[in-house]
C-alpha atoms as a PDB file:
ATOM      1  CA  MET A   1       0.000   0.000   0.000  1.00  0.00           C
ATOM      2  CA  GLN A   2       1.413   3.330  -1.034  1.00  0.00           C
ATOM      3  CA  PRO A   3       1.777   5.968   1.733  1.00  0.00           C
ATOM      4  CA  LYS A   4      -0.571   8.892   1.516  1.00  0.00           C
ATOM      5  CA  GLN A   5       1.041  11.739  -0.355  1.00  0.00           C
ATOM      6  CA  TYR A   6       1.234  15.125   1.324  1.00  0.00           C
ATOM      7  CA  LYS A   7      -0.570  17.884  -0.541  1.00  0.00           C
ATOM      8  CA  ALA A   8       0.860  21.345  -0.155  1.00  0.00           C
ATOM      9  CA  PRO A   9      -1.583  24.117   0.789  1.00  0.00           C
ATOM     10  CA  SER A  10      -3.194  25.819  -2.178  1.00  0.00           C
ATOM     11  CA  PRO A  11      -1.826  29.341  -2.497  1.00  0.00           C
ATOM     12  CA  LEU A  12      -4.227  32.235  -1.991  1.00  0.00           C
ATOM     13  CA  ASN A  13      -4.912  34.180  -5.144  1.00  0.00           C
ATOM     14  CA  PRO A  14      -6.732  37.496  -4.504  1.00  0.00           C
ATOM     15  CA  ALA A  15      -8.023  37.383  -8.092  1.00  0.00           C
ATOM     16  CA  ASP A  16     -10.128  34.343  -7.141  1.00  0.00           C
ATOM     17  CA  VAL A  17     -12.370  36.614  -5.065  1.00  0.00           C
ATOM     18  CA  GLY A  18     -13.449  38.494  -8.185  1.00  0.00           C
ATOM     19  CA  VAL A  19     -13.974  35.264 -10.087  1.00  0.00           C
ATOM     20  CA  TYR A  20     -16.283  33.887  -7.378  1.00  0.00           C
ATOM     21  CA  GLU A  21     -18.163  37.181  -7.151  1.00  0.00           C
ATOM     22  CA  GLU A  22     -18.753  37.245 -10.899  1.00  0.00           C
ATOM     23  CA  LEU A  23     -19.996  33.649 -10.831  1.00  0.00           C
ATOM     24  CA  LEU A  24     -22.527  34.510  -8.106  1.00  0.00           C
ATOM     25  CA  TRP A  25     -23.879  37.490 -10.053  1.00  0.00           C
ATOM     26  CA  THR A  26     -24.062  35.627 -13.386  1.00  0.00           C
ATOM     27  CA  VAL A  27     -24.289  31.824 -13.611  1.00  0.00           C
ATOM     28  CA  ARG A  28     -25.384  31.388  -9.988  1.00  0.00           C
ATOM     29  CA  LYS A  29     -27.489  34.530  -9.774  1.00  0.00           C
ATOM     30  CA  PRO A  30     -30.659  32.590  -8.778  1.00  0.00           C
ATOM     31  CA  ARG A  31     -28.823  31.552  -5.587  1.00  0.00           C
ATOM     32  CA  LEU A  32     -28.839  35.174  -4.440  1.00  0.00           C
ATOM     33  CA  GLU A  33     -32.355  34.441  -3.204  1.00  0.00           C
ATOM     34  CA  TRP A  34     -30.888  32.350  -0.380  1.00  0.00           C
ATOM     35  CA  LEU A  35     -28.777  35.303   0.762  1.00  0.00           C
ATOM     36  CA  TYR A  36     -31.700  37.712   0.402  1.00  0.00           C
ATOM     37  CA  ALA A  37     -33.824  35.372   2.539  1.00  0.00           C
ATOM     38  CA  ARG A  38     -31.217  35.772   5.301  1.00  0.00           C
ATOM     39  CA  GLY A  39     -31.803  39.506   5.241  1.00  0.00           C
ATOM     40  CA  LEU A  40     -28.729  40.413   3.235  1.00  0.00           C
ATOM     41  CA  THR A  41     -29.022  43.126   0.617  1.00  0.00           C
ATOM     42  CA  GLU A  42     -27.202  43.546  -2.662  1.00  0.00           C
ATOM     43  CA  ALA A  43     -25.109  46.284  -1.062  1.00  0.00           C
ATOM     44  CA  GLY A  44     -24.234  44.060   1.902  1.00  0.00           C
ATOM     45  CA  ILE A  45     -23.331  41.095  -0.304  1.00  0.00           C
ATOM     46  CA  ARG A  46     -21.120  43.219  -2.525  1.00  0.00           C
ATOM     47  CA  ALA A  47     -19.454  44.972   0.424  1.00  0.00           C
ATOM     48  CA  ALA A  48     -18.490  41.572   1.878  1.00  0.00           C
ATOM     49  CA  HIS A  49     -17.387  40.304  -1.578  1.00  0.00           C
ATOM     50  CA  ILE A  50     -19.432  37.126  -1.166  1.00  0.00           C
ATOM     51  CA  GLY A  51     -19.220  34.832  -4.171  1.00  0.00           C
ATOM     52  CA  HIS A  52     -19.981  31.294  -5.332  1.00  0.00           C
ATOM     53  CA  ASN A  53     -17.746  28.514  -6.644  1.00  0.00           C
ATOM     54  CA  GLY A  54     -20.506  26.476  -8.295  1.00  0.00           C
ATOM     55  CA  SER A  55     -21.425  24.350  -5.274  1.00  0.00           C
ATOM     56  CA  ALA A  56     -20.874  26.611  -2.258  1.00  0.00           C
ATOM     57  CA  PHE A  57     -20.992  30.254  -1.256  1.00  0.00           C
ATOM     58  CA  VAL A  58     -17.537  31.756  -0.831  1.00  0.00           C
ATOM     59  CA  ILE A  59     -16.805  34.236   1.956  1.00  0.00           C
ATOM     60  CA  PRO A  60     -13.392  35.913   1.657  1.00  0.00           C
ATOM     61  CA  ILE A  61     -11.672  36.805   4.925  1.00  0.00           C
ATOM     62  CA  PHE A  62      -9.600  39.971   4.748  1.00  0.00           C
ATOM     63  CA  GLY A  63      -7.002  41.377   7.106  1.00  0.00           C
ATOM     64  CA  ALA A  64      -5.831  44.938   7.588  1.00  0.00           C
ATOM     65  CA  GLY A  65      -5.715  46.980   4.412  1.00  0.00           C
ATOM     66  CA  GLY A  66      -7.818  44.434   2.539  1.00  0.00           C
ATOM     67  CA  THR A  67      -5.176  41.684   2.492  1.00  0.00           C
ATOM     68  CA  LEU A  68      -6.775  38.326   1.644  1.00  0.00           C
ATOM     69  CA  ALA A  69      -6.220  35.961   4.610  1.00  0.00           C
ATOM     70  CA  THR A  70      -8.306  32.931   3.621  1.00  0.00           C
ATOM     71  CA  LEU A  71     -11.558  31.782   2.020  1.00  0.00           C
ATOM     72  CA  ARG A  72     -14.500  30.180   3.793  1.00  0.00           C
ATOM     73  CA  TYR A  73     -16.946  27.969   1.893  1.00  0.00           C
ATOM     74  CA  ARG A  74     -20.562  27.773   3.044  1.00  0.00           C
ATOM     75  CA  ARG A  75     -22.372  24.713   1.675  1.00  0.00           C
ATOM     76  CA  ASP A  76     -25.153  25.576  -0.765  1.00  0.00           C
ATOM     77  CA  ASP A  77     -27.839  23.021   0.087  1.00  0.00           C
ATOM     78  CA  TYR A  78     -29.470  23.488  -3.318  1.00  0.00           C
ATOM     79  CA  TYR A  79     -26.549  21.604  -4.874  1.00  0.00           C
ATOM     80  CA  GLY A  80     -26.487  18.790  -2.353  1.00  0.00           C
ATOM     81  CA  VAL A  81     -26.205  18.112   1.355  1.00  0.00           C
ATOM     82  CA  PHE A  82     -24.802  14.566   1.306  1.00  0.00           C
ATOM     83  CA  VAL A  83     -21.389  13.334   0.191  1.00  0.00           C
ATOM     84  CA  ASP A  84     -22.791  10.532  -1.966  1.00  0.00           C
ATOM     85  CA  GLU A  85     -25.964   8.690  -2.905  1.00  0.00           C
ATOM     86  CA  TYR A  86     -25.927   6.636   0.308  1.00  0.00           C
ATOM     87  CA  ARG A  87     -26.901   9.786   2.232  1.00  0.00           C
ATOM     88  CA  ASP A  88     -25.076   8.616   5.358  1.00  0.00           C
ATOM     89  CA  ARG A  89     -22.574  11.449   5.552  1.00  0.00           C
ATOM     90  CA  GLU A  90     -23.295  15.141   5.139  1.00  0.00           C
ATOM     91  CA  ILE A  91     -21.054  17.638   3.440  1.00  0.00           C
ATOM     92  CA  PRO A  92     -19.758  19.944   6.207  1.00  0.00           C
ATOM     93  CA  LYS A  93     -21.751  23.168   6.403  1.00  0.00           C
ATOM     94  CA  TYR A  94     -18.517  25.155   6.348  1.00  0.00           C
ATOM     95  CA  LYS A  95     -15.185  24.291   4.767  1.00  0.00           C
ATOM     96  CA  ARG A  96     -11.850  26.030   4.845  1.00  0.00           C
ATOM     97  CA  LYS A  97      -9.133  26.892   2.400  1.00  0.00           C
ATOM     98  CA  ARG A  98      -6.523  24.176   2.834  1.00  0.00           C
ATOM     99  CA  GLY A  99      -3.528  25.414   4.779  1.00  0.00           C
ATOM    100  CA  CYS A 100      -5.266  28.659   5.840  1.00  0.00           C
ATOM    101  CA  ASN A 101      -7.533  27.630   8.691  1.00  0.00           C
ATOM    102  CA  GLN A 102      -6.374  29.408  11.833  1.00  0.00           C
ATOM    103  CA  PRO A 103      -9.126  31.298  13.728  1.00  0.00           C
ATOM    104  CA  ILE A 104      -9.210  34.833  12.319  1.00  0.00           C
ATOM    105  CA  LEU A 105     -10.947  38.010  13.416  1.00  0.00           C
ATOM    106  CA  TYR A 106     -13.767  38.955  11.016  1.00  0.00           C
ATOM    107  CA  PRO A 107     -14.535  41.434   9.474  1.00  0.00           C
ATOM    108  CA  GLN A 108     -11.237  43.040  10.430  1.00  0.00           C
ATOM    109  CA  PRO A 109     -11.251  46.025   8.020  1.00  0.00           C
ATOM    110  CA  TRP A 110     -14.769  46.962   9.221  1.00  0.00           C
ATOM    111  CA  ILE A 111     -13.792  46.563  12.887  1.00  0.00           C
ATOM    112  CA  GLU A 112     -10.888  48.937  12.335  1.00  0.00           C
ATOM    113  CA  GLN A 113     -13.200  51.454  10.668  1.00  0.00           C
ATOM    114  CA  CYS A 114     -15.577  51.289  13.642  1.00  0.00           C
ATOM    115  CA  ALA A 115     -12.695  51.851  16.044  1.00  0.00           C
ATOM    116  CA  GLU A 116     -11.447  54.807  14.018  1.00  0.00           C
ATOM    117  CA  ARG A 117     -14.871  56.471  13.967  1.00  0.00           C
ATOM    118  CA  GLY A 118     -15.028  56.294  17.758  1.00  0.00           C
ATOM    119  CA  ASP A 119     -17.440  53.435  18.500  1.00  0.00           C
ATOM    120  CA  THR A 120     -17.125  52.383  22.145  1.00  0.00           C
ATOM    121  CA  PHE A 121     -19.219  49.176  21.906  1.00  0.00           C
ATOM    122  CA  ILE A 122     -19.270  46.247  19.537  1.00  0.00           C
ATOM    123  CA  TYR A 123     -21.624  43.316  18.909  1.00  0.00           C
ATOM    124  CA  ILE A 124     -20.219  39.777  19.082  1.00  0.00           C
ATOM    125  CA  VAL A 125     -21.942  37.252  16.796  1.00  0.00           C
ATOM    126  CA  GLU A 126     -21.327  33.608  15.954  1.00  0.00           C
ATOM    127  CA  GLY A 127     -20.828  33.495  12.190  1.00  0.00           C
ATOM    128  CA  GLU A 128     -19.546  35.431   9.228  1.00  0.00           C
ATOM    129  CA  LEU A 129     -22.959  35.846   7.582  1.00  0.00           C
ATOM    130  CA  ASP A 130     -24.436  37.107  10.863  1.00  0.00           C
ATOM    131  CA  ALA A 131     -21.621  39.662  10.945  1.00  0.00           C
ATOM    132  CA  VAL A 132     -22.386  40.782   7.392  1.00  0.00           C
ATOM    133  CA  ARG A 133     -26.042  41.199   8.368  1.00  0.00           C
ATOM    134  CA  LEU A 134     -25.131  43.682  11.126  1.00  0.00           C
ATOM    135  CA  MET A 135     -22.377  45.321   9.108  1.00  0.00           C
ATOM    136  CA  GLN A 136     -24.825  46.285   6.367  1.00  0.00           C
ATOM    137  CA  ASP A 137     -26.799  48.158   9.055  1.00  0.00           C
ATOM    138  CA  ASN A 138     -23.636  50.141   9.867  1.00  0.00           C
ATOM    139  CA  LEU A 139     -23.297  48.462  13.275  1.00  0.00           C
ATOM    140  CA  PRO A 140     -19.948  47.605  14.871  1.00  0.00           C
ATOM    141  CA  VAL A 141     -19.675  43.811  14.855  1.00  0.00           C
ATOM    142  CA  ALA A 142     -17.067  41.085  15.229  1.00  0.00           C
ATOM    143  CA  THR A 143     -16.847  37.315  15.039  1.00  0.00           C
ATOM    144  CA  MET A 144     -14.200  34.640  14.689  1.00  0.00           C
ATOM    145  CA  THR A 145     -13.907  32.177  11.841  1.00  0.00           C
ATOM    146  CA  ASN A 146     -14.218  28.440  12.451  1.00  0.00           C
ATOM    147  CA  GLY A 147     -17.350  28.263  14.573  1.00  0.00           C
ATOM    148  CA  ALA A 148     -18.892  29.005  17.951  1.00  0.00           C
ATOM    149  CA  GLY A 149     -16.037  27.425  19.865  1.00  0.00           C
ATOM    150  CA  ASN A 150     -13.786  30.316  18.927  1.00  0.00           C
ATOM    151  CA  ILE A 151     -15.842  33.353  19.925  1.00  0.00           C
ATOM    152  CA  ALA A 152     -14.491  33.192  23.491  1.00  0.00           C
ATOM    153  CA  ARG A 153     -11.184  34.266  21.940  1.00  0.00           C
ATOM    154  CA  LEU A 154     -12.682  37.567  20.812  1.00  0.00           C
ATOM    155  CA  PRO A 155     -12.398  39.642  24.018  1.00  0.00           C
ATOM    156  CA  ARG A 156      -8.632  39.189  24.119  1.00  0.00           C
ATOM    157  CA  MET A 157      -8.245  39.996  20.421  1.00  0.00           C
ATOM    158  CA  LEU A 158     -10.446  43.082  20.653  1.00  0.00           C
ATOM    159  CA  GLN A 159      -8.238  44.555  23.363  1.00  0.00           C
ATOM    160  CA  LEU A 160      -6.134  45.915  20.522  1.00  0.00           C
ATOM    161  CA  TYR A 161      -9.038  48.317  19.862  1.00  0.00           C
ATOM    162  CA  PRO A 162     -10.688  50.989  22.075  1.00  0.00           C
ATOM    163  CA  PHE A 163     -14.039  49.214  22.560  1.00  0.00           C
ATOM    164  CA  GLN A 164     -15.316  49.326  26.132  1.00  0.00           C
ATOM    165  CA  THR A 165     -18.565  47.326  25.922  1.00  0.00           C
ATOM    166  CA  LEU A 166     -19.198  43.946  24.300  1.00  0.00           C
ATOM    167  CA  ILE A 167     -22.769  42.943  23.425  1.00  0.00           C
ATOM    168  CA  ILE A 168     -22.762  39.194  22.880  1.00  0.00           C
ATOM    169  CA  ILE A 169     -25.357  37.639  20.563  1.00  0.00           C
ATOM    170  CA  GLY A 170     -24.654  33.934  20.175  1.00  0.00           C
ATOM    171  CA  ASP A 171     -26.924  31.392  18.546  1.00  0.00           C
ATOM    172  CA  GLN A 172     -29.736  30.354  20.876  1.00  0.00           C
ATOM    173  CA  ASP A 173     -28.963  26.625  20.879  1.00  0.00           C
ATOM    174  CA  GLU A 174     -26.937  25.002  23.661  1.00  0.00           C
ATOM    175  CA  PRO A 175     -23.512  25.268  21.944  1.00  0.00           C
ATOM    176  CA  GLY A 176     -24.208  28.914  21.109  1.00  0.00           C
ATOM    177  CA  ARG A 177     -25.322  29.819  24.624  1.00  0.00           C
ATOM    178  CA  ASN A 178     -22.374  28.034  26.144  1.00  0.00           C
ATOM    179  CA  ALA A 179     -19.943  29.799  23.808  1.00  0.00           C
ATOM    180  CA  SER A 180     -21.601  33.117  24.632  1.00  0.00           C
ATOM    181  CA  ALA A 181     -21.242  32.469  28.360  1.00  0.00           C
ATOM    182  CA  LEU A 182     -17.566  31.681  28.000  1.00  0.00           C
ATOM    183  CA  SER A 183     -17.057  34.760  25.846  1.00  0.00           C
ATOM    184  CA  ALA A 184     -18.809  36.866  28.489  1.00  0.00           C
ATOM    185  CA  ALA A 185     -16.577  35.419  31.195  1.00  0.00           C
ATOM    186  CA  ALA A 186     -13.460  36.191  29.180  1.00  0.00           C
ATOM    187  CA  ALA A 187     -14.741  39.725  28.503  1.00  0.00           C
ATOM    188  CA  LEU A 188     -15.381  40.350  32.194  1.00  0.00           C
ATOM    189  CA  GLU A 189     -11.924  39.102  33.003  1.00  0.00           C
ATOM    190  CA  GLY A 190     -10.582  41.529  30.408  1.00  0.00           C
ATOM    191  CA  GLY A 191     -12.306  44.498  32.053  1.00  0.00           C
ATOM    192  CA  TYR A 192     -15.111  45.051  29.541  1.00  0.00           C
ATOM    193  CA  SER A 193     -18.685  46.002  30.286  1.00  0.00           C
ATOM    194  CA  VAL A 194     -20.694  43.042  29.032  1.00  0.00           C
ATOM    195  CA  HIS A 195     -24.268  42.425  27.916  1.00  0.00           C
ATOM    196  CA  ARG A 196     -25.854  39.351  26.381  1.00  0.00           C
ATOM    197  CA  LEU A 197     -28.950  39.374  24.184  1.00  0.00           C
ATOM    198  CA  PHE A 198     -31.533  36.578  24.314  1.00  0.00           C
ATOM    199  CA  PHE A 199     -34.499  35.823  22.031  1.00  0.00           C
ATOM    200  CA  GLU A 200     -36.587  32.884  20.852  1.00  0.00           C
ATOM    201  CA  GLU A 201     -35.292  32.731  17.284  1.00  0.00           C
ATOM    202  CA  LYS A 202     -32.351  30.485  16.349  1.00  0.00           C
ATOM    203  CA  ASP A 203     -29.862  33.263  15.674  1.00  0.00           C
ATOM    204  CA  VAL A 204     -29.566  36.998  15.231  1.00  0.00           C
ATOM    205  CA  THR A 205     -30.207  36.781  11.489  1.00  0.00           C
ATOM    206  CA  ASP A 206     -33.602  35.123  12.067  1.00  0.00           C
ATOM    207  CA  PHE A 207     -34.385  37.543  14.905  1.00  0.00           C
ATOM    208  CA  LEU A 208     -33.761  40.585  12.709  1.00  0.00           C
ATOM    209  CA  LYS A 209     -36.311  39.403  10.144  1.00  0.00           C
ATOM    210  CA  GLY A 210     -39.068  40.690  12.417  1.00  0.00           C
ATOM    211  CA  HIS A 211     -37.413  42.683  15.178  1.00  0.00           C
ATOM    212  CA  THR A 212     -34.692  45.174  16.034  1.00  0.00           C
ATOM    213  CA  LEU A 213     -31.830  44.554  18.417  1.00  0.00           C
ATOM    214  CA  GLU A 214     -33.419  47.000  20.855  1.00  0.00           C
ATOM    215  CA  GLU A 215     -36.290  44.515  21.312  1.00  0.00           C
ATOM    216  CA  ALA A 216     -34.061  41.670  22.520  1.00  0.00           C
ATOM    217  CA  GLU A 217     -33.829  40.837  26.199  1.00  0.00           C
ATOM    218  CA  LYS A 218     -30.687  42.548  27.472  1.00  0.00           C
ATOM    219  CA  THR A 219     -29.072  40.755  30.396  1.00  0.00           C
ATOM    220  CA  GLU A 220     -26.401  42.374  32.548  1.00  0.00           C
ATOM    221  CA  CYS A 221     -23.088  40.618  32.926  1.00  0.00           C
ATOM    222  CA  GLY A 222     -23.923  39.330  36.419  1.00  0.00           C
ATOM    223  CA  ARG A 223     -26.509  36.905  35.051  1.00  0.00           C
ATOM    224  CA  ILE A 224     -24.469  34.389  33.123  1.00  0.00           C
ATOM    225  CA  TYR A 225     -25.986  30.959  32.582  1.00  0.00           C
ATOM    226  CA  CYS A 226     -23.594  28.050  32.169  1.00  0.00           C
ATOM    227  CA  SER A 227     -25.159  25.301  30.071  1.00  0.00           C
ATOM    228  CA  GLN A 228     -22.422  22.839  31.022  1.00  0.00           C
ATOM    229  CA  CYS A 229     -23.654  22.540  34.602  1.00  0.00           C
ATOM    230  CA  GLY A 230     -27.133  24.057  34.201  1.00  0.00           C
ATOM    231  CA  THR A 231     -26.821  26.739  36.843  1.00  0.00           C
ATOM    232  CA  ASP A 232     -26.796  30.496  37.060  1.00  0.00           C
ATOM    233  CA  LYS A 233     -23.337  31.866  37.765  1.00  0.00           C
ATOM    234  CA  SER A 234     -24.451  35.205  39.159  1.00  0.00           C
ATOM    235  CA  SER A 235     -22.341  34.956  42.315  1.00  0.00           C
ATOM    236  CA  ASN A 236     -18.996  34.498  40.613  1.00  0.00           C
ATOM    237  CA  PRO A 237     -19.422  34.212  36.854  1.00  0.00           C
ATOM    238  CA  ILE A 238     -15.775  34.438  35.930  1.00  0.00           C
ATOM    239  CA  GLY A 239     -14.230  31.954  38.305  1.00  0.00           C
ATOM    240  CA  GLU A 240     -16.957  29.341  38.184  1.00  0.00           C
ATOM    241  CA  LEU A 241     -17.279  29.404  34.409  1.00  0.00           C
ATOM    242  CA  LEU A 242     -13.529  29.120  33.949  1.00  0.00           C
ATOM    243  CA  ASP A 243     -13.498  26.102  36.260  1.00  0.00           C
ATOM    244  CA  HIS A 244     -15.058  24.152  33.364  1.00  0.00           C
ATOM    245  CA  GLN A 245     -12.137  24.874  31.075  1.00  0.00           C
ATOM    246  CA  SER A 246      -8.418  24.057  30.988  1.00  0.00           C
ATOM    247  CA  ASN A 247      -6.144  26.877  29.863  1.00  0.00           C
ATOM    248  CA  ASP A 248      -8.791  28.234  27.515  1.00  0.00           C
ATOM    249  CA  TYR A 249      -7.822  31.790  28.388  1.00  0.00           C
ATOM    250  CA  ALA A 250      -4.108  31.374  27.739  1.00  0.00           C
ATOM    251  CA  TRP A 251      -4.658  32.124  24.047  1.00  0.00           C
ATOM    252  CA  GLY A 252      -2.421  34.694  22.494  1.00  0.00           C
ATOM    253  CA  THR A 253      -3.159  37.145  19.742  1.00  0.00           C
ATOM    254  CA  ARG A 254      -0.723  38.050  17.050  1.00  0.00           C
ATOM    255  CA  ARG A 255      -0.767  40.081  13.892  1.00  0.00           C
ATOM    256  CA  SER A 256       0.589  38.074  10.991  1.00  0.00           C
ATOM    257  CA  ASN A 257       2.923  39.474   8.385  1.00  0.00           C
ATOM    258  CA  ALA A 258      -0.132  40.191   6.264  1.00  0.00           C
ATOM    259  CA  GLY A 259      -1.681  42.298   9.035  1.00  0.00           C
ATOM    260  CA  VAL A 260      -4.293  39.653   9.856  1.00  0.00           C
ATOM    261  CA  LEU A 261      -5.290  39.166  13.493  1.00  0.00           C
ATOM    262  CA  VAL A 262      -5.132  35.457  14.267  1.00  0.00           C
ATOM    263  CA  ALA A 263      -5.450  33.446  17.475  1.00  0.00           C
ATOM    264  CA  ASP A 264      -2.432  31.395  18.470  1.00  0.00           C
END
């Protein structure tokens, strides 16, 4: 049996972003309806440079100055959910660009604009498309690539900016609420003022289809619910929440040579 051959990471080509954008607005133009149904507008889609590669939506991740850091691929269910005809294994909802998968702050150029214009608060959301939804409303917003498990890294990364208050809006399922609680604990430890927003809808994108953020239940930082043990951590939210983790708050933040903020 031949050993598995190593495949070198595919190099990033900034020109690919334009190719994927053109494909979305031409051959795959009917698939814009899926983005519109999420509340995104043409202006928001174009500002985020969202594209399509024929089978998935493509979300480019940029660093400072518009440097391309990586590409994220969001499965387009219209073109298939399962790997093969046996339907026993789903295509992952999100895929990465091979060799470029470290957790990255998103959308970094917009975050830097918000800091420069003097915003003192910022919303924390769980996914890139949720971030685009708030960004198109001119709201300060941040997330991390690679899923809910990484948003607890955000408070440390955002310390490079002058934000004083973090408003955390995770998905309303158990993983999302747990990630939000851990993010809130990390933010409190970092000296931020913290709020969490709760609502009945699955995520902030669904909530905004019929409401405004002002209508969400706003909970002060002292009321942090930990879904891992099922109790309210009002008495000591930081210490008790961190007891569930091992070295989760030893993460570092560095700015890569391309100016991209990544989590070590």
